[in-house]
Amino acid sequence: MSDAAGSKQLLHLVFGGELTTLGATEFKNLDELDIVGIYPNYASALTAWKSKAQQTVDNAHMRYFIVHLHRLLEPSQG
């Protein structure tokens, strides 16, 4: 499966939430995780990530992440 431009689809998940401490990646409340979405390429995931990160800039404990789902689905493809 590929996108309209003919390049390979590389799925990325963008999600975030409030961390327990600034130096860790443990979330304060898993029930309140913000699943932003799944995107067909890194560029669109990065755009979504930047938007959410900018919206929460006043809360130092809020963090958003990009997960390379394609690496989990096909580890040998990297």
PDB file of N, CA and C in Angstrom:
ATOM      1  N   MET A   1       0.837  -1.175   0.000  1.00  0.00           N
ATOM      2  CA  MET A   1       0.000   0.000   0.000  1.00  0.00           C
ATOM      3  C   MET A   1       0.881   1.237   0.000  1.00  0.00           C
ATOM      4  N   SER A   2       0.524   2.218  -0.766  1.00  0.00           N
ATOM      5  CA  SER A   2       1.289   3.448  -0.815  1.00  0.00           C
ATOM      6  C   SER A   2       0.354   4.637  -0.913  1.00  0.00           C
ATOM      7  N   ASP A   3       0.898   5.821  -0.676  1.00  0.00           N
ATOM      8  CA  ASP A   3       0.069   7.016  -0.757  1.00  0.00           C
ATOM      9  C   ASP A   3      -0.030   7.493  -2.200  1.00  0.00           C
ATOM     10  N   ALA A   4      -0.730   8.591  -2.418  1.00  0.00           N
ATOM     11  CA  ALA A   4      -1.006   9.096  -3.759  1.00  0.00           C
ATOM     12  C   ALA A   4       0.265   9.443  -4.519  1.00  0.00           C
ATOM     13  N   ALA A   5       1.329   9.815  -3.843  1.00  0.00           N
ATOM     14  CA  ALA A   5       2.573  10.193  -4.503  1.00  0.00           C
ATOM     15  C   ALA A   5       3.379   8.981  -4.922  1.00  0.00           C
ATOM     16  N   GLY A   6       2.952   7.786  -4.533  1.00  0.00           N
ATOM     17  CA  GLY A   6       3.643   6.568  -4.928  1.00  0.00           C
ATOM     18  C   GLY A   6       4.717   6.127  -3.955  1.00  0.00           C
ATOM     19  N   SER A   7       4.947   6.856  -2.870  1.00  0.00           N
ATOM     20  CA  SER A   7       5.947   6.447  -1.894  1.00  0.00           C
ATOM     21  C   SER A   7       5.332   5.467  -0.902  1.00  0.00           C
ATOM     22  N   LYS A   8       6.208   4.715  -0.236  1.00  0.00           N
ATOM     23  CA  LYS A   8       5.743   3.711   0.715  1.00  0.00           C
ATOM     24  C   LYS A   8       5.094   4.365   1.929  1.00  0.00           C
ATOM     25  N   GLN A   9       4.000   3.783   2.386  1.00  0.00           N
ATOM     26  CA  GLN A   9       3.283   4.279   3.565  1.00  0.00           C
ATOM     27  C   GLN A   9       4.060   3.904   4.829  1.00  0.00           C
ATOM     28  N   LEU A  10       4.432   4.897   5.616  1.00  0.00           N
ATOM     29  CA  LEU A  10       5.156   4.676   6.858  1.00  0.00           C
ATOM     30  C   LEU A  10       4.343   5.302   7.997  1.00  0.00           C
ATOM     31  N   LEU A  11       3.554   4.473   8.660  1.00  0.00           N
ATOM     32  CA  LEU A  11       2.626   4.965   9.678  1.00  0.00           C
ATOM     33  C   LEU A  11       3.341   5.492  10.926  1.00  0.00           C
ATOM     34  N   HIS A  12       2.815   6.615  11.444  1.00  0.00           N
ATOM     35  CA  HIS A  12       3.331   7.245  12.655  1.00  0.00           C
ATOM     36  C   HIS A  12       2.168   7.606  13.564  1.00  0.00           C
ATOM     37  N   LEU A  13       2.323   7.348  14.853  1.00  0.00           N
ATOM     38  CA  LEU A  13       1.333   7.682  15.868  1.00  0.00           C
ATOM     39  C   LEU A  13       1.809   8.905  16.644  1.00  0.00           C
ATOM     40  N   VAL A  14       0.917   9.873  16.843  1.00  0.00           N
ATOM     41  CA  VAL A  14       1.222  11.038  17.669  1.00  0.00           C
ATOM     42  C   VAL A  14       0.313  10.980  18.895  1.00  0.00           C
ATOM     43  N   PHE A  15       0.925  11.022  20.079  1.00  0.00           N
ATOM     44  CA  PHE A  15       0.153  10.995  21.320  1.00  0.00           C
ATOM     45  C   PHE A  15       0.924  11.748  22.395  1.00  0.00           C
ATOM     46  N   GLY A  16       0.227  12.055  23.487  1.00  0.00           N
ATOM     47  CA  GLY A  16       0.893  12.751  24.572  1.00  0.00           C
ATOM     48  C   GLY A  16       0.078  12.720  25.839  1.00  0.00           C
ATOM     49  N   GLY A  17       0.651  13.323  26.854  1.00  0.00           N
ATOM     50  CA  GLY A  17      -0.013  13.393  28.136  1.00  0.00           C
ATOM     51  C   GLY A  17       0.877  14.068  29.153  1.00  0.00           C
ATOM     52  N   GLU A  18       0.364  14.178  30.364  1.00  0.00           N
ATOM     53  CA  GLU A  18       1.106  14.836  31.434  1.00  0.00           C
ATOM     54  C   GLU A  18       2.025  13.828  32.117  1.00  0.00           C
ATOM     55  N   LEU A  19       3.293  14.190  32.261  1.00  0.00           N
ATOM     56  CA  LEU A  19       4.279  13.315  32.881  1.00  0.00           C
ATOM     57  C   LEU A  19       4.294  13.496  34.398  1.00  0.00           C
ATOM     58  N   THR A  20       4.740  12.457  35.105  1.00  0.00           N
ATOM     59  CA  THR A  20       4.824  12.537  36.564  1.00  0.00           C
ATOM     60  C   THR A  20       5.957  13.472  36.991  1.00  0.00           C
ATOM     61  N   THR A  21       7.092  13.403  36.300  1.00  0.00           N
ATOM     62  CA  THR A  21       8.238  14.275  36.570  1.00  0.00           C
ATOM     63  C   THR A  21       8.856  14.694  35.245  1.00  0.00           C
ATOM     64  N   LEU A  22       9.595  15.775  35.261  1.00  0.00           N
ATOM     65  CA  LEU A  22      10.199  16.287  34.033  1.00  0.00           C
ATOM     66  C   LEU A  22      11.268  15.372  33.451  1.00  0.00           C
ATOM     67  N   GLY A  23      11.944  14.614  34.275  1.00  0.00           N
ATOM     68  CA  GLY A  23      13.047  13.793  33.803  1.00  0.00           C
ATOM     69  C   GLY A  23      12.677  12.382  33.383  1.00  0.00           C
ATOM     70  N   ALA A  24      11.402  12.069  33.337  1.00  0.00           N
ATOM     71  CA  ALA A  24      10.989  10.699  33.028  1.00  0.00           C
ATOM     72  C   ALA A  24       9.929  10.686  31.931  1.00  0.00           C
ATOM     73  N   THR A  25       9.614   9.511  31.451  1.00  0.00           N
ATOM     74  CA  THR A  25       8.542   9.374  30.463  1.00  0.00           C
ATOM     75  C   THR A  25       7.400   8.526  31.027  1.00  0.00           C
ATOM     76  N   GLU A  26       7.146   8.683  32.308  1.00  0.00           N
ATOM     77  CA  GLU A  26       6.024   8.010  32.950  1.00  0.00           C
ATOM     78  C   GLU A  26       4.859   8.994  33.023  1.00  0.00           C
ATOM     79  N   PHE A  27       3.700   8.550  32.543  1.00  0.00           N
ATOM     80  CA  PHE A  27       2.537   9.428  32.489  1.00  0.00           C
ATOM     81  C   PHE A  27       1.797   9.452  33.816  1.00  0.00           C
ATOM     82  N   LYS A  28       1.302  10.623  34.166  1.00  0.00           N
ATOM     83  CA  LYS A  28       0.575  10.844  35.416  1.00  0.00           C
ATOM     84  C   LYS A  28      -0.731  10.061  35.450  1.00  0.00           C
ATOM     85  N   ASN A  29      -1.480  10.069  34.339  1.00  0.00           N
ATOM     86  CA  ASN A  29      -2.773   9.396  34.287  1.00  0.00           C
ATOM     87  C   ASN A  29      -2.982   8.813  32.888  1.00  0.00           C
ATOM     88  N   LEU A  30      -2.897   7.506  32.768  1.00  0.00           N
ATOM     89  CA  LEU A  30      -3.035   6.855  31.458  1.00  0.00           C
ATOM     90  C   LEU A  30      -4.421   7.039  30.849  1.00  0.00           C
ATOM     91  N   ASP A  31      -5.437   7.236  31.704  1.00  0.00           N
ATOM     92  CA  ASP A  31      -6.792   7.451  31.202  1.00  0.00           C
ATOM     93  C   ASP A  31      -6.937   8.794  30.487  1.00  0.00           C
ATOM     94  N   GLU A  32      -6.001   9.698  30.715  1.00  0.00           N
ATOM     95  CA  GLU A  32      -6.076  11.019  30.108  1.00  0.00           C
ATOM     96  C   GLU A  32      -5.084  11.227  28.964  1.00  0.00           C
ATOM     97  N   LEU A  33      -4.500  10.137  28.443  1.00  0.00           N
ATOM     98  CA  LEU A  33      -3.599  10.267  27.293  1.00  0.00           C
ATOM     99  C   LEU A  33      -4.357  10.872  26.111  1.00  0.00           C
ATOM    100  N   ASP A  34      -3.695  11.733  25.397  1.00  0.00           N
ATOM    101  CA  ASP A  34      -4.275  12.382  24.223  1.00  0.00           C
ATOM    102  C   ASP A  34      -3.741  11.685  22.971  1.00  0.00           C
ATOM    103  N   ILE A  35      -4.581  10.874  22.347  1.00  0.00           N
ATOM    104  CA  ILE A  35      -4.210  10.209  21.090  1.00  0.00           C
ATOM    105  C   ILE A  35      -4.562  11.182  19.977  1.00  0.00           C
ATOM    106  N   VAL A  36      -3.554  11.819  19.408  1.00  0.00           N
ATOM    107  CA  VAL A  36      -3.771  12.832  18.379  1.00  0.00           C
ATOM    108  C   VAL A  36      -4.181  12.181  17.072  1.00  0.00           C
ATOM    109  N   GLY A  37      -3.475  11.117  16.677  1.00  0.00           N
ATOM    110  CA  GLY A  37      -3.849  10.418  15.454  1.00  0.00           C
ATOM    111  C   GLY A  37      -2.727   9.585  14.883  1.00  0.00           C
ATOM    112  N   ILE A  38      -3.052   8.893  13.798  1.00  0.00           N
ATOM    113  CA  ILE A  38      -2.093   8.081  13.051  1.00  0.00           C
ATOM    114  C   ILE A  38      -1.944   8.723  11.686  1.00  0.00           C
ATOM    115  N   TYR A  39      -0.687   8.890  11.257  1.00  0.00           N
ATOM    116  CA  TYR A  39      -0.390   9.626  10.032  1.00  0.00           C
ATOM    117  C   TYR A  39       0.412   8.762   9.061  1.00  0.00           C
ATOM    118  N   PRO A  40       0.253   8.999   7.751  1.00  0.00           N
ATOM    119  CA  PRO A  40       0.869   8.142   6.742  1.00  0.00           C
ATOM    120  C   PRO A  40       2.357   8.396   6.503  1.00  0.00           C
ATOM    121  N   ASN A  41       2.901   9.453   7.093  1.00  0.00           N
ATOM    122  CA  ASN A  41       4.320   9.736   6.916  1.00  0.00           C
ATOM    123  C   ASN A  41       4.810  10.618   8.066  1.00  0.00           C
ATOM    124  N   TYR A  42       6.124  10.723   8.171  1.00  0.00           N
ATOM    125  CA  TYR A  42       6.712  11.470   9.275  1.00  0.00           C
ATOM    126  C   TYR A  42       6.398  12.963   9.189  1.00  0.00           C
ATOM    127  N   ALA A  43       6.396  13.513   8.003  1.00  0.00           N
ATOM    128  CA  ALA A  43       6.160  14.955   7.831  1.00  0.00           C
ATOM    129  C   ALA A  43       4.790  15.373   8.381  1.00  0.00           C
ATOM    130  N   SER A  44       3.760  14.617   8.077  1.00  0.00           N
ATOM    131  CA  SER A  44       2.430  14.971   8.580  1.00  0.00           C
ATOM    132  C   SER A  44       2.328  14.720  10.084  1.00  0.00           C
ATOM    133  N   ALA A  45       3.011  13.697  10.583  1.00  0.00           N
ATOM    134  CA  ALA A  45       3.036  13.444  12.030  1.00  0.00           C
ATOM    135  C   ALA A  45       3.758  14.578  12.754  1.00  0.00           C
ATOM    136  N   LEU A  46       4.834  15.064  12.173  1.00  0.00           N
ATOM    137  CA  LEU A  46       5.585  16.160  12.773  1.00  0.00           C
ATOM    138  C   LEU A  46       4.749  17.436  12.833  1.00  0.00           C
ATOM    139  N   THR A  47       3.977  17.702  11.807  1.00  0.00           N
ATOM    140  CA  THR A  47       3.092  18.863  11.793  1.00  0.00           C
ATOM    141  C   THR A  47       2.068  18.770  12.925  1.00  0.00           C
ATOM    142  N   ALA A  48       1.461  17.591  13.098  1.00  0.00           N
ATOM    143  CA  ALA A  48       0.485  17.387  14.171  1.00  0.00           C
ATOM    144  C   ALA A  48       1.148  17.502  15.537  1.00  0.00           C
ATOM    145  N   TRP A  49       2.346  16.936  15.670  1.00  0.00           N
ATOM    146  CA  TRP A  49       3.085  16.999  16.925  1.00  0.00           C
ATOM    147  C   TRP A  49       3.384  18.449  17.306  1.00  0.00           C
ATOM    148  N   LYS A  50       3.877  19.231  16.350  1.00  0.00           N
ATOM    149  CA  LYS A  50       4.198  20.636  16.615  1.00  0.00           C
ATOM    150  C   LYS A  50       2.972  21.411  17.063  1.00  0.00           C
ATOM    151  N   SER A  51       1.857  21.164  16.421  1.00  0.00           N
ATOM    152  CA  SER A  51       0.619  21.859  16.765  1.00  0.00           C
ATOM    153  C   SER A  51       0.211  21.570  18.211  1.00  0.00           C
ATOM    154  N   LYS A  52       0.221  20.299  18.602  1.00  0.00           N
ATOM    155  CA  LYS A  52      -0.175  19.929  19.969  1.00  0.00           C
ATOM    156  C   LYS A  52       0.854  20.423  20.984  1.00  0.00           C
ATOM    157  N   ALA A  53       2.120  20.336  20.662  1.00  0.00           N
ATOM    158  CA  ALA A  53       3.165  20.798  21.575  1.00  0.00           C
ATOM    159  C   ALA A  53       3.044  22.302  21.818  1.00  0.00           C
ATOM    160  N   GLN A  54       2.743  23.056  20.791  1.00  0.00           N
ATOM    161  CA  GLN A  54       2.588  24.502  20.936  1.00  0.00           C
ATOM    162  C   GLN A  54       1.346  24.856  21.754  1.00  0.00           C
ATOM    163  N   GLN A  55       0.294  24.055  21.644  1.00  0.00           N
ATOM    164  CA  GLN A  55      -0.936  24.306  22.403  1.00  0.00           C
ATOM    165  C   GLN A  55      -0.734  24.094  23.906  1.00  0.00           C
ATOM    166  N   THR A  56       0.237  23.275  24.275  1.00  0.00           N
ATOM    167  CA  THR A  56       0.440  22.929  25.686  1.00  0.00           C
ATOM    168  C   THR A  56       1.754  23.482  26.228  1.00  0.00           C
ATOM    169  N   VAL A  57       2.313  24.482  25.584  1.00  0.00           N
ATOM    170  CA  VAL A  57       3.626  25.014  25.962  1.00  0.00           C
ATOM    171  C   VAL A  57       3.656  25.570  27.387  1.00  0.00           C
ATOM    172  N   ASP A  58       2.530  25.987  27.921  1.00  0.00           N
ATOM    173  CA  ASP A  58       2.490  26.544  29.272  1.00  0.00           C
ATOM    174  C   ASP A  58       2.558  25.483  30.374  1.00  0.00           C
ATOM    175  N   ASN A  59       2.382  24.220  30.025  1.00  0.00           N
ATOM    176  CA  ASN A  59       2.447  23.136  31.011  1.00  0.00           C
ATOM    177  C   ASN A  59       3.735  22.346  30.767  1.00  0.00           C
ATOM    178  N   ALA A  60       4.725  22.556  31.607  1.00  0.00           N
ATOM    179  CA  ALA A  60       6.035  21.916  31.422  1.00  0.00           C
ATOM    180  C   ALA A  60       5.973  20.394  31.507  1.00  0.00           C
ATOM    181  N   HIS A  61       4.953  19.846  32.155  1.00  0.00           N
ATOM    182  CA  HIS A  61       4.843  18.399  32.295  1.00  0.00           C
ATOM    183  C   HIS A  61       4.136  17.725  31.116  1.00  0.00           C
ATOM    184  N   MET A  62       3.553  18.497  30.218  1.00  0.00           N
ATOM    185  CA  MET A  62       2.886  17.906  29.041  1.00  0.00           C
ATOM    186  C   MET A  62       3.926  17.592  27.977  1.00  0.00           C
ATOM    187  N   ARG A  63       3.866  16.383  27.451  1.00  0.00           N
ATOM    188  CA  ARG A  63       4.788  15.972  26.394  1.00  0.00           C
ATOM    189  C   ARG A  63       4.019  15.215  25.319  1.00  0.00           C
ATOM    190  N   TYR A  64       4.394  15.454  24.095  1.00  0.00           N
ATOM    191  CA  TYR A  64       3.840  14.725  22.960  1.00  0.00           C
ATOM    192  C   TYR A  64       4.968  13.977  22.274  1.00  0.00           C
ATOM    193  N   PHE A  65       4.630  12.817  21.730  1.00  0.00           N
ATOM    194  CA  PHE A  65       5.617  11.937  21.126  1.00  0.00           C
ATOM    195  C   PHE A  65       5.157  11.480  19.752  1.00  0.00           C
ATOM    196  N   ILE A  66       6.133  11.132  18.923  1.00  0.00           N
ATOM    197  CA  ILE A  66       5.863  10.501  17.632  1.00  0.00           C
ATOM    198  C   ILE A  66       6.418   9.085  17.712  1.00  0.00           C
ATOM    199  N   VAL A  67       5.563   8.101  17.460  1.00  0.00           N
ATOM    200  CA  VAL A  67       5.966   6.693  17.471  1.00  0.00           C
ATOM    201  C   VAL A  67       5.985   6.196  16.024  1.00  0.00           C
ATOM    202  N   HIS A  68       7.081   5.595  15.637  1.00  0.00           N
ATOM    203  CA  HIS A  68       7.227   5.057  14.281  1.00  0.00           C
ATOM    204  C   HIS A  68       6.549   3.680  14.226  1.00  0.00           C
ATOM    205  N   LEU A  69       5.241   3.665  13.969  1.00  0.00           N
ATOM    206  CA  LEU A  69       4.498   2.400  13.943  1.00  0.00           C
ATOM    207  C   LEU A  69       5.022   1.447  12.881  1.00  0.00           C
ATOM    208  N   HIS A  70       5.472   1.978  11.773  1.00  0.00           N
ATOM    209  CA  HIS A  70       5.975   1.116  10.694  1.00  0.00           C
ATOM    210  C   HIS A  70       7.159   0.280  11.163  1.00  0.00           C
ATOM    211  N   ARG A  71       7.940   0.786  12.106  1.00  0.00           N
ATOM    212  CA  ARG A  71       9.072   0.017  12.640  1.00  0.00           C
ATOM    213  C   ARG A  71       8.596  -1.113  13.538  1.00  0.00           C
ATOM    214  N   LEU A  72       7.450  -0.924  14.199  1.00  0.00           N
ATOM    215  CA  LEU A  72       6.906  -1.973  15.041  1.00  0.00           C
ATOM    216  C   LEU A  72       6.211  -3.057  14.207  1.00  0.00           C
ATOM    217  N   LEU A  73       5.565  -2.619  13.120  1.00  0.00           N
ATOM    218  CA  LEU A  73       4.841  -3.549  12.259  1.00  0.00           C
ATOM    219  C   LEU A  73       5.766  -4.388  11.392  1.00  0.00           C
ATOM    220  N   GLU A  74       6.856  -3.782  10.942  1.00  0.00           N
ATOM    221  CA  GLU A  74       7.816  -4.479  10.082  1.00  0.00           C
ATOM    222  C   GLU A  74       9.232  -4.148  10.561  1.00  0.00           C
ATOM    223  N   PRO A  75       9.689  -4.757  11.654  1.00  0.00           N
ATOM    224  CA  PRO A  75      10.998  -4.415  12.216  1.00  0.00           C
ATOM    225  C   PRO A  75      12.165  -4.610  11.239  1.00  0.00           C
ATOM    226  N   SER A  76      12.068  -5.551  10.368  1.00  0.00           N
ATOM    227  CA  SER A  76      13.169  -5.804   9.425  1.00  0.00           C
ATOM    228  C   SER A  76      13.270  -4.726   8.350  1.00  0.00           C
ATOM    229  N   GLN A  77      12.200  -3.956   8.144  1.00  0.00           N
ATOM    230  CA  GLN A  77      12.201  -2.915   7.134  1.00  0.00           C
ATOM    231  C   GLN A  77      12.793  -1.612   7.655  1.00  0.00           C
ATOM    232  N   GLY A  78      12.868  -1.468   9.010  1.00  0.00           N
ATOM    233  CA  GLY A  78      13.481  -0.317   9.665  1.00  0.00           C
ATOM    234  C   GLY A  78      12.813   0.952   9.322  1.00  0.00           C
TER     235      GLY A  78
END
